[in-house]
C-alpha atoms as a PDB file:
ATOM      1  CA  MET A   1     -13.364   3.163  26.144  1.00  0.00           C
ATOM      2  CA  GLU A   2     -14.306  -0.447  25.469  1.00  0.00           C
ATOM      3  CA  PHE A   3     -14.004   0.333  21.756  1.00  0.00           C
ATOM      4  CA  LEU A   4     -10.352   1.331  22.262  1.00  0.00           C
ATOM      5  CA  ILE A   5      -9.321  -1.204  24.875  1.00  0.00           C
ATOM      6  CA  GLN A   6     -10.936  -4.385  23.565  1.00  0.00           C
ATOM      7  CA  PRO A   7      -8.555  -4.938  20.578  1.00  0.00           C
ATOM      8  CA  LEU A   8      -5.535  -4.433  22.839  1.00  0.00           C
ATOM      9  CA  THR A   9      -6.496  -7.401  25.016  1.00  0.00           C
ATOM     10  CA  TYR A  10      -4.885  -9.579  22.336  1.00  0.00           C
ATOM     11  CA  SER A  11      -1.102  -9.864  22.342  1.00  0.00           C
ATOM     12  CA  PHE A  12      -0.936  -9.971  18.535  1.00  0.00           C
ATOM     13  CA  MET A  13      -2.762  -6.612  18.409  1.00  0.00           C
ATOM     14  CA  GLN A  14      -0.336  -5.109  20.920  1.00  0.00           C
ATOM     15  CA  ARG A  15       2.642  -6.202  18.824  1.00  0.00           C
ATOM     16  CA  GLY A  16       0.933  -5.105  15.625  1.00  0.00           C
ATOM     17  CA  MET A  17       0.139  -1.693  17.089  1.00  0.00           C
ATOM     18  CA  ALA A  18       3.714  -1.145  18.217  1.00  0.00           C
ATOM     19  CA  ALA A  19       5.133  -2.251  14.853  1.00  0.00           C
ATOM     20  CA  ALA A  20       2.620  -0.207  12.845  1.00  0.00           C
ATOM     21  CA  MET A  21       3.272   3.018  14.760  1.00  0.00           C
ATOM     22  CA  LEU A  22       7.034   2.590  14.564  1.00  0.00           C
ATOM     23  CA  VAL A  23       6.844   1.980  10.814  1.00  0.00           C
ATOM     24  CA  GLY A  24       4.488   4.943  10.437  1.00  0.00           C
ATOM     25  CA  ILE A  25       6.979   7.239  12.170  1.00  0.00           C
ATOM     26  CA  LEU A  26       9.987   5.781  10.362  1.00  0.00           C
ATOM     27  CA  CYS A  27       8.457   6.019   6.885  1.00  0.00           C
ATOM     28  CA  ALA A  28       7.255   9.562   7.585  1.00  0.00           C
ATOM     29  CA  VAL A  29      10.691  10.783   8.707  1.00  0.00           C
ATOM     30  CA  MET A  30      12.547   9.206   5.789  1.00  0.00           C
ATOM     31  CA  GLY A  31       9.744  10.277   3.491  1.00  0.00           C
ATOM     32  CA  THR A  32      10.561  13.948   4.096  1.00  0.00           C
ATOM     33  CA  TYR A  33      13.827  13.462   2.211  1.00  0.00           C
ATOM     34  CA  VAL A  34      12.002  11.567  -0.538  1.00  0.00           C
ATOM     35  CA  VAL A  35       9.506  14.425  -0.996  1.00  0.00           C
ATOM     36  CA  LEU A  36      12.056  17.237  -0.731  1.00  0.00           C
ATOM     37  CA  ARG A  37      14.440  15.584  -3.189  1.00  0.00           C
ATOM     38  CA  GLY A  38      11.630  14.763  -5.624  1.00  0.00           C
ATOM     39  CA  MET A  39      12.299  11.020  -5.418  1.00  0.00           C
ATOM     40  CA  ALA A  40       8.796   9.640  -4.875  1.00  0.00           C
ATOM     41  CA  PHE A  41       9.540   7.010  -7.513  1.00  0.00           C
ATOM     42  CA  LEU A  42      12.521   5.789  -5.460  1.00  0.00           C
ATOM     43  CA  GLY A  43      10.397   4.387  -2.637  1.00  0.00           C
ATOM     44  CA  ASP A  44       8.297   2.373  -5.043  1.00  0.00           C
ATOM     45  CA  ALA A  45      11.396   1.195  -6.916  1.00  0.00           C
ATOM     46  CA  LEU A  46      13.132  -0.005  -3.739  1.00  0.00           C
ATOM     47  CA  ALA A  47       9.957  -1.723  -2.570  1.00  0.00           C
ATOM     48  CA  HIS A  48       9.766  -3.775  -5.762  1.00  0.00           C
ATOM     49  CA  ALA A  49      13.534  -4.263  -5.868  1.00  0.00           C
ATOM     50  CA  ILE A  50      13.362  -6.603  -2.877  1.00  0.00           C
ATOM     51  CA  LEU A  51      11.368  -9.187  -4.846  1.00  0.00           C
ATOM     52  CA  PRO A  52      14.446 -11.045  -6.169  1.00  0.00           C
ATOM     53  CA  GLY A  53      15.892 -11.265  -2.659  1.00  0.00           C
ATOM     54  CA  VAL A  54      12.620 -12.577  -1.266  1.00  0.00           C
ATOM     55  CA  ALA A  55      12.261 -15.130  -4.056  1.00  0.00           C
ATOM     56  CA  VAL A  56      15.848 -16.401  -3.725  1.00  0.00           C
ATOM     57  CA  SER A  57      15.522 -16.690   0.060  1.00  0.00           C
ATOM     58  CA  TYR A  58      12.272 -18.625  -0.348  1.00  0.00           C
ATOM     59  CA  LEU A  59      13.785 -20.992  -2.905  1.00  0.00           C
ATOM     60  CA  VAL A  60      16.789 -21.816  -0.701  1.00  0.00           C
ATOM     61  CA  GLY A  61      14.751 -21.950   2.502  1.00  0.00           C
ATOM     62  CA  GLY A  62      16.400 -18.855   3.980  1.00  0.00           C
ATOM     63  CA  ASN A  63      15.075 -15.890   5.938  1.00  0.00           C
ATOM     64  CA  LEU A  64      12.806 -13.769   3.708  1.00  0.00           C
ATOM     65  CA  LEU A  65      13.539 -10.558   5.609  1.00  0.00           C
ATOM     66  CA  LEU A  66      17.286 -11.057   5.258  1.00  0.00           C
ATOM     67  CA  GLY A  67      16.919 -11.695   1.533  1.00  0.00           C
ATOM     68  CA  ALA A  68      14.801  -8.563   1.147  1.00  0.00           C
ATOM     69  CA  LEU A  69      17.345  -6.552   3.121  1.00  0.00           C
ATOM     70  CA  ILE A  70      20.279  -7.656   0.981  1.00  0.00           C
ATOM     71  CA  ALA A  71      18.410  -7.021  -2.271  1.00  0.00           C
ATOM     72  CA  ALA A  72      17.272  -3.547  -1.182  1.00  0.00           C
ATOM     73  CA  ILE A  73      20.765  -2.481  -0.095  1.00  0.00           C
ATOM     74  CA  VAL A  74      22.343  -3.805  -3.307  1.00  0.00           C
ATOM     75  CA  VAL A  75      19.856  -1.909  -5.482  1.00  0.00           C
ATOM     76  CA  ALA A  76      20.250   1.271  -3.392  1.00  0.00           C
ATOM     77  CA  LEU A  77      24.037   1.170  -3.766  1.00  0.00           C
ATOM     78  CA  LEU A  78      23.748   0.458  -7.511  1.00  0.00           C
ATOM     79  CA  ILE A  79      21.508   3.522  -7.891  1.00  0.00           C
ATOM     80  CA  GLY A  80      24.187   5.567  -6.156  1.00  0.00           C
ATOM     81  CA  LEU A  81      26.917   4.053  -8.344  1.00  0.00           C
ATOM     82  CA  PHE A  82      25.157   4.573 -11.674  1.00  0.00           C
ATOM     83  CA  SER A  83      24.189   8.170 -10.888  1.00  0.00           C
ATOM     84  CA  ARG A  84      27.513   9.070  -9.307  1.00  0.00           C
ATOM     85  CA  GLN A  85      28.829  12.489 -10.346  1.00  0.00           C
ATOM     86  CA  GLY A  86      26.024  12.878 -12.855  1.00  0.00           C
ATOM     87  CA  ALA A  87      26.979   9.882 -15.039  1.00  0.00           C
ATOM     88  CA  ILE A  88      23.240   9.457 -15.603  1.00  0.00           C
ATOM     89  CA  LYS A  89      20.352  11.147 -13.842  1.00  0.00           C
ATOM     90  CA  GLU A  90      19.229   9.578 -10.597  1.00  0.00           C
ATOM     91  CA  ASP A  91      15.667   8.984 -11.811  1.00  0.00           C
ATOM     92  CA  THR A  92      17.061   7.221 -14.886  1.00  0.00           C
ATOM     93  CA  ALA A  93      19.170   4.898 -12.722  1.00  0.00           C
ATOM     94  CA  ILE A  94      16.115   4.232 -10.557  1.00  0.00           C
ATOM     95  CA  GLY A  95      14.007   3.389 -13.609  1.00  0.00           C
ATOM     96  CA  ILE A  96      16.591   0.972 -15.021  1.00  0.00           C
ATOM     97  CA  LEU A  97      17.155  -0.908 -11.770  1.00  0.00           C
ATOM     98  CA  PHE A  98      13.444  -0.865 -10.853  1.00  0.00           C
ATOM     99  CA  ALA A  99      12.518  -2.563 -14.122  1.00  0.00           C
ATOM    100  CA  ALA A 100      15.385  -5.057 -13.931  1.00  0.00           C
ATOM    101  CA  ALA A 101      14.760  -6.025 -10.300  1.00  0.00           C
ATOM    102  CA  LEU A 102      11.012  -6.298 -10.840  1.00  0.00           C
ATOM    103  CA  ALA A 103      11.481  -8.482 -13.918  1.00  0.00           C
ATOM    104  CA  LEU A 104      13.938 -10.754 -12.094  1.00  0.00           C
ATOM    105  CA  GLY A 105      11.660 -10.979  -9.071  1.00  0.00           C
ATOM    106  CA  VAL A 106       8.605 -11.864 -11.144  1.00  0.00           C
ATOM    107  CA  ALA A 107      10.607 -14.473 -13.080  1.00  0.00           C
ATOM    108  CA  LEU A 108      11.790 -16.118  -9.874  1.00  0.00           C
ATOM    109  CA  ILE A 109       8.424 -15.924  -8.108  1.00  0.00           C
ATOM    110  CA  SER A 110       6.613 -17.406 -11.123  1.00  0.00           C
ATOM    111  CA  SER A 111       8.722 -20.522 -10.680  1.00  0.00           C
ATOM    112  CA  ILE A 112       7.313 -21.016  -7.180  1.00  0.00           C
ATOM    113  CA  ARG A 113       4.012 -22.856  -7.482  1.00  0.00           C
ATOM    114  CA  THR A 114       2.772 -21.871  -4.031  1.00  0.00           C
ATOM    115  CA  TYR A 115       3.873 -18.234  -4.164  1.00  0.00           C
ATOM    116  CA  ALA A 116       0.292 -16.886  -4.051  1.00  0.00           C
ATOM    117  CA  VAL A 117      -0.092 -18.211  -0.509  1.00  0.00           C
ATOM    118  CA  ASP A 118       3.430 -18.195   0.850  1.00  0.00           C
ATOM    119  CA  LEU A 119       4.487 -14.721  -0.307  1.00  0.00           C
ATOM    120  CA  SER A 120       1.182 -12.871  -0.039  1.00  0.00           C
ATOM    121  CA  HIS A 121       2.233 -11.252   3.268  1.00  0.00           C
ATOM    122  CA  ILE A 122       5.253  -9.738   1.506  1.00  0.00           C
ATOM    123  CA  LEU A 123       3.062  -8.254  -1.210  1.00  0.00           C
ATOM    124  CA  PHE A 124       0.209  -7.004   0.994  1.00  0.00           C
ATOM    125  CA  GLY A 125       1.596  -6.905   4.537  1.00  0.00           C
ATOM    126  CA  ASN A 126       0.471  -8.751   7.658  1.00  0.00           C
ATOM    127  CA  VAL A 127       0.972  -6.528  10.666  1.00  0.00           C
ATOM    128  CA  LEU A 128      -1.154  -8.784  12.885  1.00  0.00           C
ATOM    129  CA  GLY A 129       1.300 -11.601  12.209  1.00  0.00           C
ATOM    130  CA  VAL A 130       4.231  -9.756  13.810  1.00  0.00           C
ATOM    131  CA  SER A 131       6.055 -12.117  16.160  1.00  0.00           C
ATOM    132  CA  PRO A 132       8.000 -10.957  19.241  1.00  0.00           C
ATOM    133  CA  ALA A 133      11.255 -11.557  17.308  1.00  0.00           C
ATOM    134  CA  ASP A 134       9.940  -9.498  14.362  1.00  0.00           C
ATOM    135  CA  LEU A 135       9.004  -6.663  16.714  1.00  0.00           C
ATOM    136  CA  TRP A 136      12.424  -6.601  18.365  1.00  0.00           C
ATOM    137  CA  LEU A 137      14.114  -6.598  14.954  1.00  0.00           C
ATOM    138  CA  THR A 138      11.845  -3.790  13.743  1.00  0.00           C
ATOM    139  CA  CYS A 139      12.535  -1.769  16.891  1.00  0.00           C
ATOM    140  CA  GLY A 140      16.287  -2.313  16.660  1.00  0.00           C
ATOM    141  CA  LEU A 141      16.566  -1.331  12.996  1.00  0.00           C
ATOM    142  CA  GLY A 142      14.066   1.503  13.403  1.00  0.00           C
ATOM    143  CA  VAL A 143      15.908   3.089  16.314  1.00  0.00           C
ATOM    144  CA  GLY A 144      19.191   2.688  14.429  1.00  0.00           C
ATOM    145  CA  ILE A 145      17.779   4.483  11.372  1.00  0.00           C
ATOM    146  CA  LEU A 146      16.268   7.329  13.402  1.00  0.00           C
ATOM    147  CA  LEU A 147      19.504   7.751  15.366  1.00  0.00           C
ATOM    148  CA  THR A 148      21.524   7.924  12.139  1.00  0.00           C
ATOM    149  CA  VAL A 149      19.130  10.546  10.735  1.00  0.00           C
ATOM    150  CA  PHE A 150      19.507  12.575  13.943  1.00  0.00           C
ATOM    151  CA  LEU A 151      23.311  12.390  13.890  1.00  0.00           C
ATOM    152  CA  LEU A 152      23.535  13.260  10.184  1.00  0.00           C
ATOM    153  CA  TYR A 153      20.696  15.784  10.201  1.00  0.00           C
ATOM    154  CA  ARG A 154      22.777  18.795   9.110  1.00  0.00           C
ATOM    155  CA  PRO A 155      24.818  17.024   6.383  1.00  0.00           C
ATOM    156  CA  PHE A 156      21.619  15.470   5.003  1.00  0.00           C
ATOM    157  CA  LEU A 157      19.985  18.904   5.086  1.00  0.00           C
ATOM    158  CA  VAL A 158      22.808  20.462   3.068  1.00  0.00           C
ATOM    159  CA  ILE A 159      23.003  17.748   0.390  1.00  0.00           C
ATOM    160  CA  SER A 160      19.203  17.749   0.025  1.00  0.00           C
ATOM    161  CA  PHE A 161      18.866  21.502  -0.528  1.00  0.00           C
ATOM    162  CA  ASP A 162      22.236  22.639  -1.877  1.00  0.00           C
ATOM    163  CA  PRO A 163      24.644  19.973  -3.233  1.00  0.00           C
ATOM    164  CA  ILE A 164      26.992  22.727  -4.503  1.00  0.00           C
ATOM    165  CA  LEU A 165      27.311  24.159  -0.987  1.00  0.00           C
ATOM    166  CA  ALA A 166      27.915  20.635   0.315  1.00  0.00           C
ATOM    167  CA  ALA A 167      30.814  20.217  -2.117  1.00  0.00           C
ATOM    168  CA  THR A 168      32.163  23.652  -1.133  1.00  0.00           C
ATOM    169  CA  LEU A 169      32.075  22.613   2.524  1.00  0.00           C
ATOM    170  CA  ARG A 170      33.968  19.467   1.508  1.00  0.00           C
ATOM    171  CA  LEU A 171      31.269  17.139   2.731  1.00  0.00           C
ATOM    172  CA  PRO A 172      31.490  13.554   1.419  1.00  0.00           C
ATOM    173  CA  VAL A 173      28.459  14.069  -0.813  1.00  0.00           C
ATOM    174  CA  GLU A 174      28.499  10.668  -2.536  1.00  0.00           C
ATOM    175  CA  LEU A 175      29.011   8.805   0.727  1.00  0.00           C
ATOM    176  CA  LEU A 176      26.177  10.721   2.412  1.00  0.00           C
ATOM    177  CA  ARG A 177      23.899  10.111  -0.558  1.00  0.00           C
ATOM    178  CA  ASN A 178      24.646   6.374  -0.426  1.00  0.00           C
ATOM    179  CA  VAL A 179      24.009   6.326   3.325  1.00  0.00           C
ATOM    180  CA  MET A 180      20.634   8.007   2.729  1.00  0.00           C
ATOM    181  CA  LEU A 181      19.782   5.448   0.033  1.00  0.00           C
ATOM    182  CA  VAL A 182      20.703   2.554   2.346  1.00  0.00           C
ATOM    183  CA  LEU A 183      18.611   4.039   5.177  1.00  0.00           C
ATOM    184  CA  LEU A 184      15.701   4.323   2.782  1.00  0.00           C
ATOM    185  CA  ALA A 185      16.214   0.712   1.680  1.00  0.00           C
ATOM    186  CA  LEU A 186      16.202  -0.434   5.314  1.00  0.00           C
ATOM    187  CA  THR A 187      13.013   1.547   5.935  1.00  0.00           C
ATOM    188  CA  VAL A 188      11.322  -0.158   3.003  1.00  0.00           C
ATOM    189  CA  VAL A 189      12.294  -3.625   4.257  1.00  0.00           C
ATOM    190  CA  ILE A 190      11.109  -2.868   7.800  1.00  0.00           C
ATOM    191  CA  SER A 191       7.765  -1.712   6.394  1.00  0.00           C
ATOM    192  CA  LEU A 192       7.045  -4.947   4.503  1.00  0.00           C
ATOM    193  CA  GLN A 193       5.388  -6.680   7.446  1.00  0.00           C
ATOM    194  CA  THR A 194       3.067  -3.725   8.001  1.00  0.00           C
ATOM    195  CA  VAL A 195       1.977  -2.479   4.579  1.00  0.00           C
ATOM    196  CA  GLY A 196       3.678  -4.775   2.063  1.00  0.00           C
ATOM    197  CA  ILE A 197       5.474  -3.991  -1.174  1.00  0.00           C
ATOM    198  CA  GLY A 198       2.445  -2.520  -2.905  1.00  0.00           C
ATOM    199  CA  LEU A 199       1.757   0.218  -0.344  1.00  0.00           C
ATOM    200  CA  VAL A 200       5.099   1.106   1.225  1.00  0.00           C
ATOM    201  CA  ALA A 201       5.682   3.956  -1.250  1.00  0.00           C
ATOM    202  CA  ALA A 202       2.444   5.561  -0.077  1.00  0.00           C
ATOM    203  CA  MET A 203       3.602   5.512   3.542  1.00  0.00           C
ATOM    204  CA  LEU A 204       6.868   7.138   2.518  1.00  0.00           C
ATOM    205  CA  VAL A 205       5.280   9.915   0.480  1.00  0.00           C
ATOM    206  CA  THR A 206       1.786  10.725   1.784  1.00  0.00           C
ATOM    207  CA  PRO A 207       2.489  11.814   5.418  1.00  0.00           C
ATOM    208  CA  ALA A 208       5.531  13.814   4.279  1.00  0.00           C
ATOM    209  CA  ALA A 209       3.568  15.455   1.457  1.00  0.00           C
ATOM    210  CA  THR A 210       0.833  16.401   3.938  1.00  0.00           C
ATOM    211  CA  ALA A 211       3.377  17.962   6.282  1.00  0.00           C
ATOM    212  CA  TYR A 212       4.940  19.796   3.324  1.00  0.00           C
ATOM    213  CA  LEU A 213       1.609  21.538   2.718  1.00  0.00           C
ATOM    214  CA  LEU A 214       1.640  22.894   6.271  1.00  0.00           C
ATOM    215  CA  VAL A 215       5.289  23.726   7.053  1.00  0.00           C
ATOM    216  CA  ARG A 216       8.440  24.493   5.104  1.00  0.00           C
ATOM    217  CA  ARG A 217      11.318  23.936   7.539  1.00  0.00           C
ATOM    218  CA  LEU A 218      12.744  20.420   7.622  1.00  0.00           C
ATOM    219  CA  ALA A 219      12.679  19.736  11.384  1.00  0.00           C
ATOM    220  CA  PRO A 220       8.999  20.743  11.883  1.00  0.00           C
ATOM    221  CA  MET A 221       8.143  18.903   8.676  1.00  0.00           C
ATOM    222  CA  MET A 222       9.738  15.703  10.021  1.00  0.00           C
ATOM    223  CA  PHE A 223       7.954  16.046  13.361  1.00  0.00           C
ATOM    224  CA  LEU A 224       4.547  16.716  11.811  1.00  0.00           C
ATOM    225  CA  SER A 225       5.029  13.965   9.234  1.00  0.00           C
ATOM    226  CA  ALA A 226       5.885  11.502  12.025  1.00  0.00           C
ATOM    227  CA  LEU A 227       2.717  12.484  13.926  1.00  0.00           C
ATOM    228  CA  ILE A 228       0.604  11.934  10.811  1.00  0.00           C
ATOM    229  CA  GLY A 229       2.302   8.593  10.133  1.00  0.00           C
ATOM    230  CA  ALA A 230       1.801   7.376  13.714  1.00  0.00           C
ATOM    231  CA  PHE A 231      -1.831   8.574  13.818  1.00  0.00           C
ATOM    232  CA  SER A 232      -2.611   6.947  10.465  1.00  0.00           C
ATOM    233  CA  SER A 233      -1.114   3.658  11.666  1.00  0.00           C
ATOM    234  CA  LEU A 234      -3.071   3.767  14.930  1.00  0.00           C
ATOM    235  CA  VAL A 235      -6.433   4.607  13.384  1.00  0.00           C
ATOM    236  CA  GLY A 236      -5.850   2.334  10.388  1.00  0.00           C
ATOM    237  CA  LEU A 237      -5.157  -0.654  12.622  1.00  0.00           C
ATOM    238  CA  TYR A 238      -8.360  -0.098  14.613  1.00  0.00           C
ATOM    239  CA  LEU A 239     -10.247   0.291  11.334  1.00  0.00           C
ATOM    240  CA  SER A 240      -8.830  -2.977   9.985  1.00  0.00           C
ATOM    241  CA  TYR A 241      -9.753  -4.777  13.214  1.00  0.00           C
ATOM    242  CA  TYR A 242     -13.390  -3.668  13.290  1.00  0.00           C
ATOM    243  CA  LEU A 243     -14.060  -3.748   9.534  1.00  0.00           C
ATOM    244  CA  ASN A 244     -12.006  -6.916   8.904  1.00  0.00           C
ATOM    245  CA  ILE A 245      -9.955  -5.400   6.079  1.00  0.00           C
ATOM    246  CA  VAL A 246      -6.236  -5.554   5.286  1.00  0.00           C
ATOM    247  CA  SER A 247      -4.391  -3.416   7.816  1.00  0.00           C
ATOM    248  CA  GLY A 248      -1.885  -1.955   5.326  1.00  0.00           C
ATOM    249  CA  SER A 249      -4.674  -0.701   3.085  1.00  0.00           C
ATOM    250  CA  ALA A 250      -6.534   0.834   6.025  1.00  0.00           C
ATOM    251  CA  ILE A 251      -3.414   2.670   7.206  1.00  0.00           C
ATOM    252  CA  VAL A 252      -2.717   4.093   3.755  1.00  0.00           C
ATOM    253  CA  LEU A 253      -6.372   5.124   3.257  1.00  0.00           C
ATOM    254  CA  ILE A 254      -6.368   7.046   6.551  1.00  0.00           C
ATOM    255  CA  SER A 255      -3.112   8.767   5.592  1.00  0.00           C
ATOM    256  CA  THR A 256      -4.548   9.671   2.185  1.00  0.00           C
ATOM    257  CA  ALA A 257      -7.748  11.010   3.766  1.00  0.00           C
ATOM    258  CA  ILE A 258      -5.687  13.304   6.000  1.00  0.00           C
ATOM    259  CA  PHE A 259      -3.771  14.543   2.962  1.00  0.00           C
ATOM    260  CA  LEU A 260      -6.985  15.283   1.059  1.00  0.00           C
ATOM    261  CA  VAL A 261      -8.484  17.204   3.994  1.00  0.00           C
ATOM    262  CA  VAL A 262      -5.346  19.324   4.411  1.00  0.00           C
ATOM    263  CA  PHE A 263      -5.081  19.898   0.658  1.00  0.00           C
ATOM    264  CA  LEU A 264      -8.703  21.052   0.384  1.00  0.00           C
ATOM    265  CA  ILE A 265      -8.376  23.338   3.422  1.00  0.00           C
ATOM    266  CA  LYS A 266      -5.201  24.917   2.065  1.00  0.00           C
ATOM    267  CA  ARG A 267      -6.751  25.340  -1.355  1.00  0.00           C
ATOM    268  CA  GLY A 268      -9.874  26.902   0.144  1.00  0.00           C
ATOM    269  CA  LYS A 269      -7.787  29.564   1.896  1.00  0.00           C
ATOM    270  CA  ARG A 270      -6.276  30.802  -1.374  1.00  0.00           C
END
């Protein structure tokens, strides 16, 4: 018991644990749509798309999270605009904007002489540096995203599996798709403090992909994915504390280990 309780005697670990588990659940739930729609590249693209917003906010002395949020939403809406009504394929729009945003972000960051120190927590995460204000913001946005997913569960289900049926039912397909993209962008921004830009795509995809191996219906897949995400965050944070490694990496490695175990078990049953 001492092994489990001792880290939680520190307030920064309590906040980090709460933030990590919330992000684990949030990424896992939104990740089910990413996996089902075959948009694994989208999570990575949105994660890197926030770089220009972060760099601009840093240069003007603004809030980095706000800059990341604005950049992510702008890119998400541009993806929806460019791929609207099949003008170009969605993955093509993602590729164009991913490359452009990444190039702009790198150009801006390279002009900041101290970026290696000052922006490292954006790139690699720093869950143990979560302040009370950060935790409240994460909780507020996280609950808002999960509530929106719950309220729009059926419309999201229809547009994910059968866009033609959605059009027949006269659902606002483009609006719903843009809402989903914005929710995904918000999820990416919330996850920065925990796993950073480099690993957020893994938290979106890996728990959902693991759940996909075990169940096929969306609701059970979301629930199981959320459990895997929360468990990975919990165990990963303990691992990072005792082994003195980056928490985001530990969380992703635990999630990947779970995926590999499930994959090998499923393959062995064939």
